[in-house]
């Protein structure tokens, strides 16, 4: 009877640990980068660097109550987050979402300066000319002015600036194509 009681005490203590805040003394939100392929042991070490006390207890808790499926990305940590909540976010991939807004009426140069200044993007095109960017987008014959849909684009960490250009370009291309199909037949325009 002593062994089952001990097991119940241990499991109960772990369950209690999982519902308590991991970082109760944290003043500001922190961001933890979780690389692809990280193990629970590696995650526990990373959490220790962010101030989680008892990272080994987190590891044991995660092994028993968590999912082995840890999705890569950047995650926000705050003082109220429990071990269970963090494990749920990691399993579901509830990463931080950043936003890039392209404003209607901007020139390509204004849009490029805005994208170049975004601190969360991986910059591949910073030193490219507009022509070089259009070549990368598979449209070397087009002048870039007016070919990027102005809207807000959500993205996650490790997104490249070229991917954002591609999204905005493809969004505008699809919009123009859809509008072209529904245009009045009598218009003197030959192509979009």
N, C-alpha and C. Protein backbone atom coordinates (compact mmCIF):
# COMPACT_ATOMS: atom_id res chain seq x y z
N UNK A 1 0.82 -1.19 0.00
CA UNK A 1 0.00 0.00 0.00
C UNK A 1 0.86 1.25 0.00
N UNK A 2 2.12 1.13 0.44
CA UNK A 2 3.01 2.28 0.49
C UNK A 2 3.40 2.74 -0.91
N UNK A 3 3.66 1.82 -1.81
CA UNK A 3 4.09 2.18 -3.17
C UNK A 3 2.97 2.90 -3.92
N UNK A 4 1.74 2.38 -3.95
CA UNK A 4 0.69 3.10 -4.66
C UNK A 4 0.44 4.49 -4.06
N UNK A 5 0.54 4.63 -2.75
CA UNK A 5 0.35 5.93 -2.12
C UNK A 5 1.46 6.89 -2.55
N UNK A 6 2.69 6.40 -2.60
CA UNK A 6 3.81 7.22 -3.04
C UNK A 6 3.63 7.68 -4.48
N UNK A 7 3.17 6.76 -5.31
CA UNK A 7 2.94 7.11 -6.71
C UNK A 7 1.85 8.16 -6.82
N UNK A 8 0.78 8.02 -6.05
CA UNK A 8 -0.29 9.01 -6.07
C UNK A 8 0.22 10.38 -5.62
N UNK A 9 1.07 10.41 -4.60
CA UNK A 9 1.63 11.67 -4.11
C UNK A 9 2.50 12.31 -5.19
N UNK A 10 3.33 11.52 -5.84
CA UNK A 10 4.21 12.04 -6.90
C UNK A 10 3.39 12.56 -8.07
N UNK A 11 2.44 11.78 -8.55
CA UNK A 11 1.62 12.20 -9.68
C UNK A 11 0.79 13.43 -9.31
N UNK A 12 0.25 13.45 -8.09
CA UNK A 12 -0.51 14.61 -7.63
C UNK A 12 0.36 15.86 -7.55
N UNK A 13 1.58 15.70 -7.08
CA UNK A 13 2.51 16.83 -7.00
C UNK A 13 2.86 17.34 -8.39
N UNK A 14 3.09 16.42 -9.32
CA UNK A 14 3.38 16.83 -10.69
C UNK A 14 2.19 17.54 -11.32
N UNK A 15 1.00 17.01 -11.09
CA UNK A 15 -0.19 17.65 -11.63
C UNK A 15 -0.33 19.07 -11.08
N UNK A 16 -0.08 19.23 -9.78
CA UNK A 16 -0.13 20.56 -9.16
C UNK A 16 0.93 21.47 -9.77
N UNK A 17 2.14 20.94 -9.98
CA UNK A 17 3.21 21.72 -10.61
C UNK A 17 2.75 22.22 -11.98
N UNK A 18 2.11 21.37 -12.75
CA UNK A 18 1.68 21.73 -14.10
C UNK A 18 0.63 22.80 -14.17
N UNK A 19 -0.07 23.04 -13.08
CA UNK A 19 -1.12 24.06 -13.08
C UNK A 19 -0.64 25.39 -12.48
N UNK A 20 0.57 25.40 -11.94
CA UNK A 20 1.11 26.62 -11.32
C UNK A 20 1.89 27.43 -12.36
N UNK A 21 1.99 28.76 -12.17
CA UNK A 21 2.77 29.58 -13.10
C UNK A 21 4.23 29.14 -13.14
N UNK A 22 4.77 29.05 -14.35
CA UNK A 22 6.18 28.68 -14.53
C UNK A 22 7.11 29.82 -14.14
N UNK A 23 6.69 31.04 -14.41
CA UNK A 23 7.53 32.22 -14.19
C UNK A 23 6.76 33.26 -13.39
N UNK A 24 6.44 32.99 -12.13
CA UNK A 24 5.60 33.91 -11.36
C UNK A 24 6.25 35.28 -11.13
N UNK A 25 7.56 35.39 -11.19
CA UNK A 25 8.23 36.66 -10.93
C UNK A 25 8.58 37.42 -12.21
N UNK A 26 8.15 36.92 -13.34
CA UNK A 26 8.46 37.57 -14.61
C UNK A 26 7.72 38.90 -14.70
N UNK A 27 8.44 39.97 -15.00
CA UNK A 27 7.84 41.30 -15.10
C UNK A 27 7.25 41.56 -16.48
N UNK A 28 8.02 41.31 -17.51
CA UNK A 28 7.59 41.55 -18.89
C UNK A 28 7.50 40.23 -19.63
N UNK A 29 6.71 40.25 -20.69
CA UNK A 29 6.64 39.04 -21.52
C UNK A 29 8.01 38.77 -22.12
N UNK A 30 8.31 37.50 -22.26
CA UNK A 30 9.54 37.06 -22.92
C UNK A 30 9.16 36.21 -24.12
N UNK A 31 10.10 36.12 -25.04
CA UNK A 31 9.92 35.29 -26.21
C UNK A 31 10.93 34.16 -26.14
N UNK A 32 10.45 32.94 -26.33
CA UNK A 32 11.35 31.79 -26.39
C UNK A 32 11.29 31.24 -27.81
N UNK A 33 12.46 31.10 -28.40
CA UNK A 33 12.56 30.52 -29.75
C UNK A 33 12.75 29.01 -29.60
N UNK A 34 11.87 28.26 -30.19
CA UNK A 34 11.92 26.80 -30.14
C UNK A 34 12.34 26.30 -31.51
N UNK A 35 13.57 25.82 -31.63
CA UNK A 35 14.04 25.36 -32.94
C UNK A 35 13.41 24.02 -33.33
N UNK A 36 13.40 23.78 -34.63
CA UNK A 36 12.86 22.52 -35.15
C UNK A 36 13.70 21.36 -34.61
N UNK A 37 13.02 20.32 -34.16
CA UNK A 37 13.70 19.11 -33.70
C UNK A 37 14.18 19.16 -32.26
N UNK A 38 13.82 20.20 -31.50
CA UNK A 38 14.27 20.29 -30.10
C UNK A 38 13.64 19.15 -29.29
N UNK A 39 14.40 18.64 -28.35
CA UNK A 39 13.90 17.59 -27.46
C UNK A 39 13.30 18.24 -26.22
N UNK A 40 12.58 17.44 -25.44
CA UNK A 40 12.05 17.96 -24.17
C UNK A 40 13.18 18.38 -23.24
N UNK A 41 14.28 17.63 -23.26
CA UNK A 41 15.44 17.97 -22.43
C UNK A 41 16.01 19.32 -22.87
N UNK A 42 16.15 19.52 -24.18
CA UNK A 42 16.65 20.79 -24.71
C UNK A 42 15.71 21.93 -24.39
N UNK A 43 14.41 21.69 -24.47
CA UNK A 43 13.42 22.71 -24.14
C UNK A 43 13.51 23.07 -22.66
N UNK A 44 13.70 22.08 -21.80
CA UNK A 44 13.84 22.33 -20.36
C UNK A 44 15.05 23.21 -20.09
N UNK A 45 16.17 22.95 -20.77
CA UNK A 45 17.38 23.78 -20.60
C UNK A 45 17.12 25.21 -21.06
N UNK A 46 16.42 25.35 -22.18
CA UNK A 46 16.10 26.68 -22.70
C UNK A 46 15.19 27.43 -21.75
N UNK A 47 14.23 26.75 -21.17
CA UNK A 47 13.33 27.38 -20.20
C UNK A 47 14.09 27.83 -18.95
N UNK A 48 15.09 27.04 -18.54
CA UNK A 48 15.92 27.42 -17.39
C UNK A 48 16.63 28.74 -17.67
N UNK A 49 17.08 28.93 -18.91
CA UNK A 49 17.74 30.18 -19.28
C UNK A 49 16.79 31.36 -19.25
N UNK A 50 15.49 31.08 -19.37
CA UNK A 50 14.48 32.14 -19.30
C UNK A 50 13.95 32.35 -17.87
N UNK A 51 14.50 31.61 -16.93
CA UNK A 51 14.14 31.83 -15.54
C UNK A 51 13.20 30.82 -14.92
N UNK A 52 12.87 29.76 -15.64
CA UNK A 52 11.99 28.73 -15.06
C UNK A 52 12.78 27.98 -13.99
N UNK A 53 12.23 27.99 -12.79
CA UNK A 53 12.87 27.22 -11.72
C UNK A 53 12.44 25.76 -11.87
N UNK A 54 13.27 24.87 -11.46
CA UNK A 54 13.01 23.43 -11.53
C UNK A 54 12.79 22.94 -12.97
N UNK A 55 13.71 23.23 -13.88
CA UNK A 55 13.52 22.78 -15.26
C UNK A 55 13.46 21.26 -15.38
N UNK A 56 14.12 20.55 -14.47
CA UNK A 56 14.05 19.09 -14.51
C UNK A 56 12.65 18.60 -14.16
N UNK A 57 11.98 19.32 -13.28
CA UNK A 57 10.61 18.98 -12.93
C UNK A 57 9.69 19.22 -14.14
N UNK A 58 9.98 20.30 -14.88
CA UNK A 58 9.23 20.56 -16.11
C UNK A 58 9.42 19.39 -17.08
N UNK A 59 10.65 18.92 -17.21
CA UNK A 59 10.95 17.80 -18.12
C UNK A 59 10.13 16.56 -17.73
N UNK A 60 10.12 16.22 -16.44
CA UNK A 60 9.37 15.05 -15.97
C UNK A 60 7.88 15.26 -16.21
N UNK A 61 7.39 16.46 -15.88
CA UNK A 61 5.97 16.77 -16.09
C UNK A 61 5.61 16.61 -17.57
N UNK A 62 6.46 17.17 -18.44
CA UNK A 62 6.19 17.11 -19.88
C UNK A 62 6.20 15.68 -20.39
N UNK A 63 7.09 14.86 -19.87
CA UNK A 63 7.16 13.45 -20.29
C UNK A 63 5.88 12.70 -19.91
N UNK A 64 5.33 13.02 -18.77
CA UNK A 64 4.15 12.29 -18.28
C UNK A 64 2.85 12.86 -18.85
N UNK A 65 2.71 14.21 -18.81
CA UNK A 65 1.44 14.83 -19.16
C UNK A 65 1.41 15.53 -20.51
N UNK A 66 2.57 15.71 -21.13
CA UNK A 66 2.65 16.51 -22.36
C UNK A 66 2.62 15.67 -23.61
N UNK A 67 2.75 16.37 -24.70
CA UNK A 67 2.81 15.74 -26.01
C UNK A 67 4.26 15.73 -26.47
N UNK A 68 4.63 14.69 -27.17
CA UNK A 68 5.99 14.63 -27.72
C UNK A 68 6.10 15.52 -28.95
N UNK A 69 4.97 16.02 -29.42
CA UNK A 69 4.93 16.85 -30.61
C UNK A 69 5.17 18.31 -30.24
N UNK A 70 6.41 18.75 -30.37
CA UNK A 70 6.77 20.15 -30.10
C UNK A 70 6.97 20.83 -31.45
N UNK A 71 6.20 21.88 -31.70
CA UNK A 71 6.30 22.57 -32.97
C UNK A 71 7.24 23.77 -32.85
N UNK A 72 8.09 23.94 -33.84
CA UNK A 72 9.07 25.02 -33.84
C UNK A 72 8.38 26.37 -33.99
N UNK A 73 9.06 27.40 -33.49
CA UNK A 73 8.56 28.76 -33.63
C UNK A 73 8.91 29.60 -32.43
N UNK A 74 8.39 30.81 -32.41
CA UNK A 74 8.58 31.72 -31.28
C UNK A 74 7.30 31.74 -30.45
N UNK A 75 7.47 31.59 -29.14
CA UNK A 75 6.34 31.54 -28.23
C UNK A 75 6.49 32.63 -27.17
N UNK A 76 5.37 33.24 -26.80
CA UNK A 76 5.37 34.25 -25.75
C UNK A 76 5.24 33.58 -24.39
N UNK A 77 6.05 34.01 -23.45
CA UNK A 77 5.97 33.54 -22.06
C UNK A 77 5.52 34.72 -21.21
N UNK A 78 4.60 34.48 -20.29
CA UNK A 78 4.24 35.52 -19.33
C UNK A 78 4.15 34.92 -17.94
N UNK A 79 3.97 35.78 -16.95
CA UNK A 79 4.03 35.34 -15.55
C UNK A 79 2.89 34.42 -15.14
N UNK A 80 1.81 34.36 -15.90
CA UNK A 80 0.67 33.52 -15.53
C UNK A 80 0.71 32.14 -16.19
N UNK A 81 1.59 31.94 -17.16
CA UNK A 81 1.59 30.70 -17.94
C UNK A 81 2.04 29.50 -17.11
N UNK A 82 1.24 28.45 -17.17
CA UNK A 82 1.56 27.21 -16.47
C UNK A 82 2.31 26.28 -17.42
N UNK A 83 2.89 25.23 -16.86
CA UNK A 83 3.57 24.23 -17.67
C UNK A 83 2.59 23.59 -18.66
N UNK A 84 1.38 23.30 -18.20
CA UNK A 84 0.39 22.67 -19.08
C UNK A 84 0.01 23.60 -20.22
N UNK A 85 -0.17 24.89 -19.92
CA UNK A 85 -0.52 25.83 -20.98
C UNK A 85 0.60 25.94 -22.01
N UNK A 86 1.84 25.99 -21.55
CA UNK A 86 2.97 26.05 -22.48
C UNK A 86 3.02 24.80 -23.35
N UNK A 87 2.85 23.63 -22.75
CA UNK A 87 2.86 22.38 -23.52
C UNK A 87 1.73 22.35 -24.54
N UNK A 88 0.56 22.86 -24.17
CA UNK A 88 -0.55 22.91 -25.11
C UNK A 88 -0.21 23.81 -26.30
N UNK A 89 0.39 24.97 -26.02
CA UNK A 89 0.78 25.88 -27.10
C UNK A 89 1.82 25.25 -28.02
N UNK A 90 2.79 24.59 -27.41
CA UNK A 90 3.85 23.94 -28.19
C UNK A 90 3.28 22.84 -29.09
N UNK A 91 2.33 22.08 -28.57
CA UNK A 91 1.75 20.98 -29.34
C UNK A 91 0.86 21.50 -30.47
N UNK A 92 0.16 22.62 -30.24
CA UNK A 92 -0.73 23.18 -31.25
C UNK A 92 -0.03 24.16 -32.18
N UNK A 93 1.20 24.54 -31.84
CA UNK A 93 1.93 25.49 -32.67
C UNK A 93 1.38 26.90 -32.56
N UNK A 94 0.91 27.29 -31.37
CA UNK A 94 0.37 28.64 -31.16
C UNK A 94 1.52 29.63 -30.99
N UNK A 95 2.18 29.90 -32.11
CA UNK A 95 3.36 30.77 -32.12
C UNK A 95 2.95 32.24 -32.19
N UNK A 96 3.92 33.09 -31.94
CA UNK A 96 3.69 34.53 -32.07
C UNK A 96 3.47 34.85 -33.54
N UNK A 97 2.45 35.64 -33.82
CA UNK A 97 2.17 36.08 -35.17
C UNK A 97 2.52 37.56 -35.28
N UNK A 98 3.36 37.87 -36.25
CA UNK A 98 3.71 39.26 -36.54
C UNK A 98 2.86 39.73 -37.71
N UNK A 99 2.83 41.04 -37.93
CA UNK A 99 2.03 41.58 -39.02
C UNK A 99 2.85 42.58 -39.83
N UNK A 100 2.68 42.52 -41.12
CA UNK A 100 3.30 43.47 -42.03
C UNK A 100 2.18 44.13 -42.82
N UNK A 101 2.09 45.45 -42.73
CA UNK A 101 1.05 46.18 -43.45
C UNK A 101 1.66 46.94 -44.61
N UNK A 102 1.10 46.71 -45.78
CA UNK A 102 1.45 47.48 -46.97
C UNK A 102 0.31 48.46 -47.17
N UNK A 103 0.65 49.74 -47.14
CA UNK A 103 -0.35 50.80 -47.17
C UNK A 103 -0.71 51.16 -48.61
N UNK A 104 -2.02 51.30 -48.85
CA UNK A 104 -2.48 51.70 -50.18
C UNK A 104 -1.90 53.06 -50.53
N UNK A 105 -1.40 53.18 -51.74
CA UNK A 105 -0.83 54.43 -52.20
C UNK A 105 0.68 54.52 -52.07
N UNK A 106 1.28 53.58 -51.38
CA UNK A 106 2.74 53.58 -51.26
C UNK A 106 3.37 53.28 -52.62
N UNK A 107 4.51 53.91 -52.84
CA UNK A 107 5.33 53.54 -54.00
C UNK A 107 6.07 52.25 -53.65
N UNK A 108 6.66 51.63 -54.65
CA UNK A 108 7.44 50.43 -54.38
C UNK A 108 8.59 50.76 -53.42
N UNK A 109 9.22 51.92 -53.60
CA UNK A 109 10.34 52.32 -52.74
C UNK A 109 9.88 52.46 -51.28
N UNK A 110 8.72 53.01 -51.05
CA UNK A 110 8.20 53.14 -49.68
C UNK A 110 7.91 51.75 -49.09
N UNK A 111 7.31 50.87 -49.89
CA UNK A 111 7.02 49.52 -49.42
C UNK A 111 8.31 48.78 -49.11
N UNK A 112 9.30 48.90 -49.98
CA UNK A 112 10.58 48.22 -49.77
C UNK A 112 11.26 48.73 -48.51
N UNK A 113 11.25 50.04 -48.28
CA UNK A 113 11.87 50.60 -47.07
C UNK A 113 11.17 50.06 -45.82
N UNK A 114 9.85 49.93 -45.88
CA UNK A 114 9.08 49.40 -44.75
C UNK A 114 9.43 47.92 -44.50
N UNK A 115 9.50 47.15 -45.56
CA UNK A 115 9.85 45.73 -45.42
C UNK A 115 11.28 45.58 -44.94
N UNK A 116 12.20 46.38 -45.49
CA UNK A 116 13.61 46.33 -45.07
C UNK A 116 13.78 46.64 -43.59
N UNK A 117 12.89 47.46 -43.03
CA UNK A 117 13.00 47.87 -41.62
C UNK A 117 12.32 46.90 -40.66
N UNK A 118 11.59 45.92 -41.18
CA UNK A 118 10.87 45.00 -40.29
C UNK A 118 11.88 44.10 -39.56
N UNK A 119 11.90 44.17 -38.22
CA UNK A 119 12.92 43.43 -37.46
C UNK A 119 12.67 41.93 -37.35
N UNK A 120 11.48 41.47 -37.70
CA UNK A 120 11.15 40.05 -37.52
C UNK A 120 11.32 39.21 -38.78
N UNK A 121 11.54 39.88 -39.90
CA UNK A 121 11.73 39.15 -41.16
C UNK A 121 13.20 38.78 -41.35
N UNK A 122 13.43 37.71 -42.08
CA UNK A 122 14.78 37.37 -42.52
C UNK A 122 14.98 38.11 -43.84
N UNK A 123 15.99 38.95 -43.87
CA UNK A 123 16.18 39.83 -45.03
C UNK A 123 17.11 39.22 -46.07
N UNK A 124 16.53 38.92 -47.22
CA UNK A 124 17.28 38.39 -48.36
C UNK A 124 17.39 39.41 -49.48
N UNK A 125 16.50 40.42 -49.48
CA UNK A 125 16.39 41.34 -50.61
C UNK A 125 16.84 42.76 -50.29
N UNK A 126 17.38 42.97 -49.11
CA UNK A 126 17.72 44.33 -48.68
C UNK A 126 18.58 45.07 -49.69
N UNK A 127 19.50 44.38 -50.31
CA UNK A 127 20.43 45.03 -51.24
C UNK A 127 20.08 44.75 -52.70
N UNK A 128 18.86 44.24 -52.92
CA UNK A 128 18.41 43.99 -54.30
C UNK A 128 17.71 45.23 -54.86
N UNK A 129 17.82 45.39 -56.15
CA UNK A 129 17.08 46.45 -56.84
C UNK A 129 15.64 45.98 -57.05
N UNK A 130 14.73 46.90 -57.38
CA UNK A 130 13.36 46.48 -57.71
C UNK A 130 13.34 45.46 -58.85
N UNK A 131 14.17 45.66 -59.84
CA UNK A 131 14.23 44.73 -60.98
C UNK A 131 14.66 43.33 -60.51
N UNK A 132 15.67 43.26 -59.63
CA UNK A 132 16.13 41.97 -59.13
C UNK A 132 15.03 41.26 -58.33
N UNK A 133 14.27 42.02 -57.57
CA UNK A 133 13.16 41.43 -56.80
C UNK A 133 12.11 40.87 -57.76
N UNK A 134 11.81 41.62 -58.81
CA UNK A 134 10.82 41.13 -59.78
C UNK A 134 11.32 39.88 -60.50
N UNK A 135 12.62 39.80 -60.74
CA UNK A 135 13.19 38.59 -61.33
C UNK A 135 12.97 37.41 -60.38
N UNK A 136 13.23 37.62 -59.08
CA UNK A 136 13.02 36.57 -58.07
C UNK A 136 11.56 36.13 -58.01
N UNK A 137 10.65 37.05 -58.32
CA UNK A 137 9.22 36.74 -58.28
C UNK A 137 8.73 36.13 -59.59
N UNK A 138 9.64 35.97 -60.55
CA UNK A 138 9.28 35.36 -61.82
C UNK A 138 8.57 36.31 -62.77
N UNK A 139 8.73 37.61 -62.55
CA UNK A 139 8.08 38.61 -63.41
C UNK A 139 9.09 39.69 -63.82
N UNK A 140 10.17 39.30 -64.50
CA UNK A 140 11.22 40.27 -64.82
C UNK A 140 10.77 41.37 -65.78
N UNK A 141 9.70 41.14 -66.50
CA UNK A 141 9.21 42.09 -67.49
C UNK A 141 8.31 43.18 -66.88
N UNK A 142 7.94 43.03 -65.61
CA UNK A 142 7.01 43.99 -65.00
C UNK A 142 7.73 45.06 -64.19
N UNK A 143 7.19 46.27 -64.26
CA UNK A 143 7.59 47.34 -63.35
C UNK A 143 6.86 47.05 -62.04
N UNK A 144 7.52 47.12 -60.89
CA UNK A 144 6.88 46.69 -59.64
C UNK A 144 5.75 47.60 -59.15
N UNK A 145 5.66 48.82 -59.63
CA UNK A 145 4.65 49.75 -59.13
C UNK A 145 3.24 49.21 -59.35
N UNK A 146 2.48 49.09 -58.28
CA UNK A 146 1.08 48.68 -58.37
C UNK A 146 0.84 47.19 -58.42
N UNK A 147 1.89 46.39 -58.28
CA UNK A 147 1.73 44.94 -58.36
C UNK A 147 1.76 44.22 -57.01
N UNK A 148 1.60 44.98 -55.92
CA UNK A 148 1.63 44.38 -54.57
C UNK A 148 0.37 44.83 -53.83
N UNK A 149 -0.46 43.86 -53.45
CA UNK A 149 -1.74 44.17 -52.83
C UNK A 149 -1.55 44.83 -51.48
N UNK A 150 -2.10 46.04 -51.30
CA UNK A 150 -2.00 46.69 -50.01
C UNK A 150 -3.00 46.09 -49.02
N UNK A 151 -2.48 45.49 -48.00
CA UNK A 151 -3.28 44.90 -46.92
C UNK A 151 -2.32 44.53 -45.80
N UNK A 152 -2.84 43.89 -44.76
CA UNK A 152 -2.00 43.42 -43.66
C UNK A 152 -1.80 41.92 -43.80
N UNK A 153 -0.53 41.51 -43.73
CA UNK A 153 -0.16 40.11 -43.90
C UNK A 153 0.40 39.56 -42.59
N UNK A 154 -0.25 38.55 -42.01
CA UNK A 154 0.32 37.92 -40.82
C UNK A 154 1.45 36.97 -41.22
N UNK A 155 2.43 36.86 -40.35
CA UNK A 155 3.52 35.93 -40.60
C UNK A 155 4.16 35.52 -39.28
N UNK A 156 4.92 34.44 -39.32
CA UNK A 156 5.60 33.91 -38.14
C UNK A 156 7.11 34.13 -38.27
N UNK A 157 7.82 33.87 -37.20
CA UNK A 157 9.27 33.97 -37.20
C UNK A 157 9.84 33.09 -38.32
N UNK A 158 11.00 33.46 -38.79
CA UNK A 158 11.72 32.74 -39.85
C UNK A 158 11.09 32.89 -41.22
N UNK A 159 10.25 33.90 -41.39
CA UNK A 159 9.69 34.22 -42.70
C UNK A 159 10.65 35.19 -43.39
N UNK A 160 10.88 34.98 -44.67
CA UNK A 160 11.78 35.87 -45.39
C UNK A 160 11.01 37.06 -45.98
N UNK A 161 11.75 38.13 -46.23
CA UNK A 161 11.14 39.28 -46.89
C UNK A 161 10.69 38.90 -48.30
N UNK A 162 11.44 38.02 -48.95
CA UNK A 162 11.05 37.57 -50.29
C UNK A 162 9.71 36.84 -50.26
N UNK A 163 9.46 36.07 -49.22
CA UNK A 163 8.16 35.40 -49.07
C UNK A 163 7.04 36.42 -48.94
N UNK A 164 7.30 37.53 -48.25
CA UNK A 164 6.28 38.57 -48.10
C UNK A 164 6.03 39.27 -49.43
N UNK A 165 7.09 39.57 -50.17
CA UNK A 165 6.91 40.15 -51.50
C UNK A 165 6.08 39.21 -52.37
N UNK A 166 6.41 37.92 -52.30
CA UNK A 166 5.70 36.93 -53.11
C UNK A 166 4.22 36.89 -52.74
N UNK A 167 3.91 36.92 -51.45
CA UNK A 167 2.50 36.89 -51.02
C UNK A 167 1.74 38.10 -51.54
N UNK A 168 2.34 39.29 -51.38
CA UNK A 168 1.67 40.51 -51.81
C UNK A 168 1.53 40.54 -53.33
N UNK A 169 2.56 40.09 -54.04
CA UNK A 169 2.52 40.04 -55.50
C UNK A 169 1.46 39.04 -55.97
N UNK A 170 1.47 37.84 -55.41
CA UNK A 170 0.48 36.82 -55.80
C UNK A 170 -0.94 37.24 -55.45
N UNK A 171 -1.11 37.90 -54.31
CA UNK A 171 -2.44 38.38 -53.92
C UNK A 171 -2.97 39.38 -54.93
N UNK A 172 -2.11 40.31 -55.36
CA UNK A 172 -2.54 41.30 -56.35
C UNK A 172 -2.79 40.63 -57.70
N UNK A 173 -1.94 39.70 -58.09
CA UNK A 173 -2.11 39.00 -59.36
C UNK A 173 -3.44 38.25 -59.39
N UNK A 174 -3.78 37.57 -58.28
CA UNK A 174 -5.07 36.85 -58.21
C UNK A 174 -6.25 37.82 -58.23
N UNK A 175 -6.13 38.93 -57.51
CA UNK A 175 -7.21 39.92 -57.49
C UNK A 175 -7.43 40.49 -58.89
N UNK A 176 -6.35 40.85 -59.58
CA UNK A 176 -6.47 41.39 -60.94
C UNK A 176 -7.09 40.35 -61.88
N UNK A 177 -6.68 39.10 -61.74
CA UNK A 177 -7.21 38.04 -62.58
C UNK A 177 -8.72 37.86 -62.35
N UNK A 178 -9.11 37.88 -61.07
CA UNK A 178 -10.54 37.74 -60.75
C UNK A 178 -11.34 38.92 -61.29
N UNK A 179 -10.79 40.11 -61.14
CA UNK A 179 -11.50 41.31 -61.63
C UNK A 179 -11.57 41.30 -63.16
N UNK A 180 -10.53 40.80 -63.80
CA UNK A 180 -10.50 40.77 -65.27
C UNK A 180 -11.58 39.85 -65.81
N UNK A 181 -11.78 38.72 -65.14
CA UNK A 181 -12.82 37.77 -65.58
C UNK A 181 -14.22 38.35 -65.47
N UNK A 182 -14.42 39.29 -64.55
CA UNK A 182 -15.77 39.83 -64.33
C UNK A 182 -15.95 41.24 -64.90
N UNK A 183 -15.00 41.71 -65.69
CA UNK A 183 -15.08 43.07 -66.24
C UNK A 183 -16.18 43.16 -67.30
N UNK A 184 -16.61 44.38 -67.58
CA UNK A 184 -17.58 44.62 -68.64
C UNK A 184 -16.94 44.27 -69.98
N UNK A 185 -17.68 43.62 -70.84
CA UNK A 185 -17.16 43.17 -72.13
C UNK A 185 -16.82 44.32 -73.07
N UNK A 186 -17.48 45.44 -72.94
CA UNK A 186 -17.30 46.51 -73.89
C UNK A 186 -16.10 47.41 -73.63
N UNK A 187 -15.32 47.14 -72.60
CA UNK A 187 -14.17 47.99 -72.29
C UNK A 187 -13.06 47.79 -73.33
N UNK A 188 -12.33 48.86 -73.66
CA UNK A 188 -11.29 48.75 -74.69
C UNK A 188 -9.96 48.18 -74.18
N UNK A 189 -9.92 47.58 -73.00
CA UNK A 189 -8.69 47.03 -72.43
C UNK A 189 -8.42 45.65 -73.01
N UNK A 190 -7.13 45.38 -73.28
CA UNK A 190 -6.76 44.08 -73.86
C UNK A 190 -6.24 43.09 -72.83
N UNK A 191 -5.67 43.58 -71.74
CA UNK A 191 -5.16 42.68 -70.69
C UNK A 191 -5.13 43.43 -69.35
N UNK A 192 -5.04 42.67 -68.28
CA UNK A 192 -5.09 43.32 -66.96
C UNK A 192 -3.82 44.12 -66.72
